Amino acid sequence: MPSHQIDVPALPVLLPLGLTLMAVCAGLLHRRGLLSAPRLLAGWFAGWYSVAVLGATMLPMHLAWGPQAGGPDLYRFIFVPVLEMRPLDFVLNTIMTLPLATVLYLVFGVQNRRQVVWTGFLISLAIESTQLLLLLTLDGNRWADVNDLMSNTLGTWLGFLVLRRLMRSARWSRVLESCSSARTGHGRTGRDMPAAVR
């Protein structure tokens, strides 16, 4: 038995966090004079998507420290790409970040391909770095995998391609624009997106 240990459960953390984000979203939209059903639903989707990513990558979490905690399980650190890839994990991590481009567009107005892909890469890097840090210092039970970094970035790029394709449709462009809470500052519509990312 380790000298000290703590288990951080998933649902008792994620549910209050998700509900809090819903309330914050409604308050911010109201304060900015942008409150509408489509924007509220889009904001709630973005909040729960963030909660789902947190749950999928960090929780539940087991931490241990002290003289009897033992050394880190280094087999949980995968730093060789492709050769040590777990195919199912790669596919699931790619799917996980497919919605990110849409969330970035709806909430922050980000529609540049480089910004979207870099954001996906940096978010994934932060997740994997945190998992590695917890693994090395607090005997964390998550995996730090360079293949996850690749698959998350790939998923972000594929999600961007899907969003760009949708924005070429006048109908989908209007729908997404009605859900966007980002102020572009110069009346840009979603149909401008393909030109902006060439």
Protein backbone atom coordinates (compact mmCIF):
# COMPACT_ATOMS: atom_id res chain seq x y z
CA MET A 1 0.00 0.00 0.00
CA PRO A 2 1.36 3.44 -0.86
CA SER A 3 1.87 5.99 1.86
CA HIS A 4 -0.68 8.30 0.30
CA GLN A 5 -3.16 7.86 -2.50
CA ILE A 6 -6.21 9.55 -3.91
CA ASP A 7 -8.76 8.49 -6.48
CA VAL A 8 -10.44 11.25 -8.45
CA PRO A 9 -13.77 9.93 -9.81
CA ALA A 10 -15.25 10.96 -13.12
CA LEU A 11 -18.96 11.70 -12.70
CA PRO A 12 -18.77 13.71 -9.43
CA VAL A 13 -16.30 16.04 -11.17
CA LEU A 14 -17.65 16.10 -14.72
CA LEU A 15 -21.36 16.58 -14.04
CA PRO A 16 -21.00 19.71 -11.83
CA LEU A 17 -18.41 21.07 -14.26
CA GLY A 18 -20.73 20.59 -17.23
CA LEU A 19 -23.67 22.22 -15.45
CA THR A 20 -21.47 25.13 -14.39
CA LEU A 21 -20.32 25.65 -17.98
CA MET A 22 -23.95 25.67 -19.12
CA ALA A 23 -24.77 28.44 -16.65
CA VAL A 24 -21.63 30.42 -17.56
CA CYS A 25 -22.45 30.12 -21.26
CA ALA A 26 -26.00 31.41 -20.76
CA GLY A 27 -24.73 34.28 -18.62
CA LEU A 28 -22.05 35.34 -21.10
CA LEU A 29 -24.42 35.24 -24.07
CA HIS A 30 -26.99 37.28 -22.16
CA ARG A 31 -24.37 39.82 -21.09
CA ARG A 32 -23.17 40.25 -24.69
CA GLY A 33 -26.71 40.56 -26.04
CA LEU A 34 -26.30 37.39 -28.12
CA LEU A 35 -28.64 35.06 -26.26
CA SER A 36 -30.68 32.92 -28.63
CA ALA A 37 -31.68 29.27 -28.68
CA PRO A 38 -29.22 28.24 -31.44
CA ARG A 39 -26.28 30.04 -29.80
CA LEU A 40 -27.18 28.65 -26.39
CA LEU A 41 -27.37 25.09 -27.71
CA ALA A 42 -24.08 25.53 -29.56
CA GLY A 43 -22.45 26.89 -26.41
CA TRP A 44 -23.79 24.02 -24.34
CA PHE A 45 -22.50 21.56 -26.92
CA ALA A 46 -19.05 23.16 -26.76
CA GLY A 47 -19.07 22.99 -22.96
CA TRP A 48 -20.11 19.36 -22.78
CA TYR A 49 -17.66 18.48 -25.53
CA SER A 50 -14.87 19.96 -23.39
CA VAL A 51 -16.13 17.99 -20.39
CA ALA A 52 -16.21 14.79 -22.45
CA VAL A 53 -12.62 15.32 -23.61
CA LEU A 54 -11.52 15.91 -20.03
CA GLY A 55 -13.27 12.74 -18.93
CA ALA A 56 -11.85 10.67 -21.79
CA THR A 57 -8.27 11.81 -21.25
CA MET A 58 -7.89 12.42 -17.50
CA LEU A 59 -10.65 10.82 -15.42
CA PRO A 60 -11.02 8.71 -13.39
CA MET A 61 -7.56 9.32 -12.03
CA HIS A 62 -5.54 7.38 -9.46
CA LEU A 63 -2.65 9.22 -7.83
CA ALA A 64 -0.15 7.92 -5.27
CA TRP A 65 2.93 9.30 -3.58
CA GLY A 66 5.25 8.53 -0.70
CA PRO A 67 8.02 6.04 0.00
CA GLN A 68 5.89 2.99 -0.75
CA ALA A 69 4.20 4.31 -3.84
CA GLY A 70 6.74 2.62 -6.08
CA GLY A 71 8.22 3.88 -9.30
CA PRO A 72 6.25 5.04 -12.32
CA ASP A 73 4.86 2.47 -14.74
CA LEU A 74 7.06 3.45 -17.65
CA TYR A 75 5.29 1.06 -20.00
CA ARG A 76 2.48 3.65 -19.97
CA PHE A 77 4.79 6.09 -21.77
CA ILE A 78 4.76 5.33 -25.50
CA PHE A 79 7.25 7.50 -27.36
CA VAL A 80 7.80 5.44 -30.50
CA PRO A 81 5.27 6.48 -33.15
CA VAL A 82 3.49 3.97 -35.37
CA LEU A 83 5.52 0.94 -34.26
CA GLU A 84 3.90 0.92 -30.81
CA MET A 85 0.55 2.18 -32.04
CA ARG A 86 -2.67 0.70 -30.69
CA PRO A 87 -4.96 0.92 -33.76
CA LEU A 88 -8.27 1.17 -31.90
CA ASP A 89 -6.94 3.93 -29.64
CA PHE A 90 -5.65 5.79 -32.70
CA VAL A 91 -9.08 5.67 -34.36
CA LEU A 92 -10.92 6.71 -31.17
CA ASN A 93 -8.54 9.61 -30.54
CA THR A 94 -9.00 10.77 -34.11
CA ILE A 95 -12.79 10.69 -33.70
CA MET A 96 -12.53 12.55 -30.38
CA THR A 97 -11.13 15.70 -31.97
CA LEU A 98 -13.32 15.76 -35.09
CA PRO A 99 -15.75 18.31 -33.50
CA LEU A 100 -12.96 20.66 -32.38
CA ALA A 101 -12.87 22.76 -35.57
CA THR A 102 -16.61 23.37 -35.33
CA VAL A 103 -16.36 24.30 -31.65
CA LEU A 104 -13.54 26.74 -32.38
CA TYR A 105 -15.58 28.34 -35.16
CA LEU A 106 -18.84 28.60 -33.20
CA VAL A 107 -17.35 29.88 -29.94
CA PHE A 108 -14.27 31.85 -31.00
CA GLY A 109 -14.79 32.50 -34.72
CA VAL A 110 -11.57 30.65 -35.62
CA GLN A 111 -11.73 29.57 -39.23
CA ASN A 112 -8.12 29.57 -40.42
CA ARG A 113 -6.81 26.07 -41.12
CA ARG A 114 -3.40 26.67 -39.56
CA GLN A 115 -4.90 28.12 -36.38
CA VAL A 116 -7.38 25.24 -36.06
CA VAL A 117 -4.78 22.49 -36.57
CA TRP A 118 -2.24 24.18 -34.29
CA THR A 119 -4.88 24.56 -31.59
CA GLY A 120 -5.71 20.86 -31.84
CA PHE A 121 -2.01 19.97 -31.68
CA LEU A 122 -1.35 22.20 -28.66
CA ILE A 123 -4.40 20.93 -26.76
CA SER A 124 -3.28 17.36 -27.38
CA LEU A 125 0.29 18.22 -26.38
CA ALA A 126 -0.98 19.74 -23.12
CA ILE A 127 -3.02 16.61 -22.39
CA GLU A 128 -0.18 14.20 -23.11
CA SER A 129 2.32 16.33 -21.18
CA THR A 130 0.01 16.42 -18.16
CA GLN A 131 -0.49 12.67 -18.35
CA LEU A 132 3.28 12.16 -18.53
CA LEU A 133 3.93 14.53 -15.62
CA LEU A 134 1.37 12.74 -13.44
CA LEU A 135 2.79 9.38 -14.49
CA LEU A 136 6.33 10.36 -13.51
CA THR A 137 5.56 12.24 -10.29
CA LEU A 138 2.34 10.82 -8.81
CA ASP A 139 2.21 7.29 -10.20
CA GLY A 140 -0.65 8.30 -12.49
CA ASN A 141 -2.68 5.61 -14.20
CA ARG A 142 -3.12 7.29 -17.60
CA TRP A 143 -1.07 6.70 -20.74
CA ALA A 144 1.21 9.28 -22.36
CA ASP A 145 1.31 8.30 -26.03
CA VAL A 146 2.90 10.14 -28.94
CA ASN A 147 0.45 8.36 -31.23
CA ASP A 148 -2.39 10.14 -29.42
CA LEU A 149 -0.75 13.44 -30.34
CA MET A 150 -0.72 12.38 -33.98
CA SER A 151 -4.29 11.08 -33.99
CA ASN A 152 -5.70 14.12 -32.17
CA THR A 153 -4.05 16.45 -34.67
CA LEU A 154 -5.28 14.32 -37.57
CA GLY A 155 -8.81 14.40 -36.17
CA THR A 156 -8.70 18.18 -35.85
CA TRP A 157 -7.60 18.54 -39.48
CA LEU A 158 -10.26 16.12 -40.74
CA GLY A 159 -12.89 17.96 -38.71
CA PHE A 160 -11.77 21.21 -40.30
CA LEU A 161 -12.17 19.70 -43.78
CA VAL A 162 -15.69 18.57 -42.92
CA LEU A 163 -16.58 22.03 -41.57
CA ARG A 164 -15.17 23.76 -44.63
CA ARG A 165 -17.20 21.47 -46.87
CA LEU A 166 -20.37 22.29 -44.90
CA MET A 167 -19.68 26.01 -45.10
CA ARG A 168 -19.74 25.81 -48.88
CA SER A 169 -23.44 25.07 -48.65
CA ALA A 170 -25.54 28.22 -48.26
CA ARG A 171 -28.03 26.38 -46.04
CA TRP A 172 -25.41 24.99 -43.65
CA SER A 173 -23.55 28.28 -43.67
CA ARG A 174 -26.68 30.09 -42.44
CA VAL A 175 -27.31 27.43 -39.79
CA LEU A 176 -23.77 27.59 -38.44
CA GLU A 177 -23.72 31.39 -38.56
CA SER A 178 -26.94 31.50 -36.51
CA CYS A 179 -25.26 29.28 -33.90
CA SER A 180 -22.04 31.28 -33.73
CA SER A 181 -21.47 33.46 -30.69
CA ALA A 182 -18.23 34.92 -32.06
CA ARG A 183 -18.26 38.50 -33.27
CA THR A 184 -16.09 38.77 -36.34
CA GLY A 185 -16.12 42.55 -36.41
CA HIS A 186 -16.76 43.01 -40.13
CA GLY A 187 -19.91 41.14 -40.99
CA ARG A 188 -18.18 38.05 -42.34
CA THR A 189 -20.45 35.14 -43.12
CA GLY A 190 -19.64 31.47 -43.04
CA ARG A 191 -19.44 31.41 -46.84
CA ASP A 192 -16.21 33.38 -46.62
CA MET A 193 -14.54 30.49 -44.87
CA PRO A 194 -13.30 28.62 -47.95
CA ALA A 195 -11.55 31.73 -49.26
CA ALA A 196 -10.07 32.49 -45.84
CA VAL A 197 -8.37 29.12 -45.54
CA ARG A 198 -6.88 28.67 -49.00
